Amino acid sequence: MFYLMKRHFQQTGEVMDPHVFAAQFLGAFSTVEGVAGILMFDEYLNSEARGNGATG
């Protein structure tokens, strides 16, 4: 899941809309995989923000 979310972000520069996300991935991953993917993506976004000099 992480790689799908990351690819969407890299292609569009935007985080996937939650409704689109839910519709696209519903049932495709277990809850554990989903949570792990979301946490990994959150860490990725945090590292991107630090790399671009953002604060907060």
N, C-alpha and C. Protein backbone atom coordinates (compact mmCIF):
# COMPACT_ATOMS: atom_id res chain seq x y z
N MET A 1 0.82 -1.18 0.00
CA MET A 1 0.00 0.00 0.00
C MET A 1 0.87 1.26 0.00
N PHE A 2 1.94 1.22 0.77
CA PHE A 2 2.83 2.38 0.83
C PHE A 2 3.29 2.79 -0.56
N TYR A 3 3.69 1.82 -1.36
CA TYR A 3 4.22 2.13 -2.69
C TYR A 3 3.15 2.73 -3.60
N LEU A 4 1.91 2.29 -3.46
CA LEU A 4 0.82 2.86 -4.26
C LEU A 4 0.56 4.30 -3.86
N MET A 5 0.57 4.56 -2.55
CA MET A 5 0.34 5.92 -2.07
C MET A 5 1.49 6.84 -2.48
N LYS A 6 2.72 6.32 -2.36
CA LYS A 6 3.89 7.11 -2.72
C LYS A 6 3.89 7.42 -4.22
N ARG A 7 3.56 6.44 -5.04
CA ARG A 7 3.53 6.65 -6.49
C ARG A 7 2.50 7.73 -6.85
N HIS A 8 1.32 7.67 -6.24
CA HIS A 8 0.30 8.68 -6.51
C HIS A 8 0.82 10.07 -6.13
N PHE A 9 1.46 10.16 -4.98
CA PHE A 9 2.00 11.45 -4.52
C PHE A 9 3.07 11.96 -5.47
N GLN A 10 3.96 11.08 -5.91
CA GLN A 10 5.03 11.51 -6.81
C GLN A 10 4.48 11.94 -8.17
N GLN A 11 3.44 11.27 -8.64
CA GLN A 11 2.87 11.60 -9.95
C GLN A 11 2.04 12.88 -9.92
N THR A 12 1.35 13.12 -8.81
CA THR A 12 0.41 14.25 -8.77
C THR A 12 0.86 15.38 -7.86
N GLY A 13 1.76 15.08 -6.92
CA GLY A 13 2.16 16.09 -5.93
C GLY A 13 1.12 16.27 -4.84
N GLU A 14 0.13 15.38 -4.81
CA GLU A 14 -0.95 15.48 -3.83
C GLU A 14 -1.14 14.14 -3.13
N VAL A 15 -1.60 14.22 -1.89
CA VAL A 15 -1.99 13.02 -1.16
C VAL A 15 -3.36 12.60 -1.68
N MET A 16 -3.54 11.32 -1.86
CA MET A 16 -4.79 10.80 -2.42
C MET A 16 -5.98 11.16 -1.54
N ASP A 17 -7.06 11.61 -2.16
CA ASP A 17 -8.30 11.92 -1.46
C ASP A 17 -8.76 10.69 -0.67
N PRO A 18 -9.14 10.85 0.59
CA PRO A 18 -9.54 9.70 1.41
C PRO A 18 -10.67 8.87 0.80
N HIS A 19 -11.62 9.50 0.12
CA HIS A 19 -12.72 8.76 -0.47
C HIS A 19 -12.25 7.92 -1.66
N VAL A 20 -11.37 8.49 -2.46
CA VAL A 20 -10.79 7.75 -3.58
C VAL A 20 -9.94 6.61 -3.04
N PHE A 21 -9.16 6.91 -2.03
CA PHE A 21 -8.31 5.91 -1.39
C PHE A 21 -9.14 4.73 -0.90
N ALA A 22 -10.20 5.02 -0.16
CA ALA A 22 -11.05 3.95 0.38
C ALA A 22 -11.70 3.13 -0.72
N ALA A 23 -12.18 3.79 -1.76
CA ALA A 23 -12.84 3.08 -2.86
C ALA A 23 -11.85 2.21 -3.63
N GLN A 24 -10.64 2.72 -3.82
CA GLN A 24 -9.66 2.01 -4.63
C GLN A 24 -9.06 0.81 -3.89
N PHE A 25 -8.87 0.93 -2.58
CA PHE A 25 -8.14 -0.10 -1.85
C PHE A 25 -9.00 -0.95 -0.92
N LEU A 26 -10.29 -0.69 -0.89
CA LEU A 26 -11.18 -1.44 0.00
C LEU A 26 -11.06 -2.94 -0.26
N GLY A 27 -10.67 -3.68 0.75
CA GLY A 27 -10.55 -5.13 0.65
C GLY A 27 -9.27 -5.61 0.00
N ALA A 28 -8.45 -4.70 -0.51
CA ALA A 28 -7.22 -5.12 -1.19
C ALA A 28 -6.10 -5.44 -0.20
N PHE A 29 -6.22 -4.92 1.00
CA PHE A 29 -5.18 -5.11 2.01
C PHE A 29 -5.84 -5.43 3.35
N SER A 30 -5.11 -6.14 4.19
CA SER A 30 -5.60 -6.38 5.55
C SER A 30 -5.50 -5.07 6.34
N THR A 31 -6.16 -5.03 7.46
CA THR A 31 -6.10 -3.85 8.32
C THR A 31 -4.67 -3.57 8.76
N VAL A 32 -3.95 -4.61 9.12
CA VAL A 32 -2.56 -4.45 9.56
C VAL A 32 -1.71 -3.88 8.43
N GLU A 33 -1.88 -4.41 7.22
CA GLU A 33 -1.12 -3.89 6.07
C GLU A 33 -1.49 -2.44 5.78
N GLY A 34 -2.77 -2.14 5.90
CA GLY A 34 -3.24 -0.78 5.65
C GLY A 34 -2.65 0.22 6.63
N VAL A 35 -2.69 -0.12 7.91
CA VAL A 35 -2.15 0.77 8.94
C VAL A 35 -0.65 0.92 8.75
N ALA A 36 0.04 -0.17 8.50
CA ALA A 36 1.50 -0.10 8.29
C ALA A 36 1.83 0.77 7.08
N GLY A 37 1.08 0.62 6.00
CA GLY A 37 1.32 1.43 4.80
C GLY A 37 1.08 2.90 5.05
N ILE A 38 0.02 3.21 5.77
CA ILE A 38 -0.29 4.62 6.08
C ILE A 38 0.80 5.22 6.96
N LEU A 39 1.27 4.47 7.96
CA LEU A 39 2.33 4.97 8.83
C LEU A 39 3.63 5.18 8.06
N MET A 40 3.95 4.25 7.17
CA MET A 40 5.15 4.40 6.34
C MET A 40 5.03 5.62 5.44
N PHE A 41 3.85 5.83 4.86
CA PHE A 41 3.65 6.98 3.99
C PHE A 41 3.75 8.27 4.78
N ASP A 42 3.24 8.28 6.01
CA ASP A 42 3.34 9.46 6.87
C ASP A 42 4.81 9.79 7.14
N GLU A 43 5.61 8.77 7.43
CA GLU A 43 7.04 8.99 7.64
C GLU A 43 7.70 9.53 6.37
N TYR A 44 7.30 8.99 5.22
CA TYR A 44 7.83 9.45 3.94
C TYR A 44 7.50 10.93 3.73
N LEU A 45 6.25 11.33 3.99
CA LEU A 45 5.87 12.73 3.83
C LEU A 45 6.65 13.62 4.78
N ASN A 46 6.86 13.15 6.01
CA ASN A 46 7.65 13.93 6.97
C ASN A 46 9.08 14.11 6.47
N SER A 47 9.67 13.07 5.91
CA SER A 47 11.04 13.18 5.41
C SER A 47 11.10 14.10 4.19
N GLU A 48 10.07 14.07 3.34
CA GLU A 48 10.01 14.97 2.18
C GLU A 48 9.93 16.41 2.65
N ALA A 49 9.13 16.68 3.67
CA ALA A 49 8.98 18.04 4.18
C ALA A 49 10.30 18.54 4.76
N ARG A 50 10.98 17.68 5.49
CA ARG A 50 12.29 18.07 6.04
C ARG A 50 13.28 18.32 4.91
N GLY A 51 13.24 17.49 3.89
CA GLY A 51 14.16 17.64 2.76
C GLY A 51 13.92 18.91 1.98
N ASN A 52 12.71 19.44 2.04
CA ASN A 52 12.37 20.66 1.32
C ASN A 52 12.44 21.90 2.21
N GLY A 53 12.92 21.73 3.45
CA GLY A 53 13.09 22.87 4.34
C GLY A 53 11.82 23.31 5.03
N ALA A 54 10.78 22.53 4.95
CA ALA A 54 9.52 22.90 5.61
C ALA A 54 9.67 22.68 7.11
N THR A 55 8.88 23.44 7.85
CA THR A 55 8.88 23.27 9.32
C THR A 55 7.47 23.03 9.77
N GLY A 56 7.35 22.55 11.01
CA GLY A 56 6.01 22.38 11.55
C GLY A 56 5.71 21.06 12.01
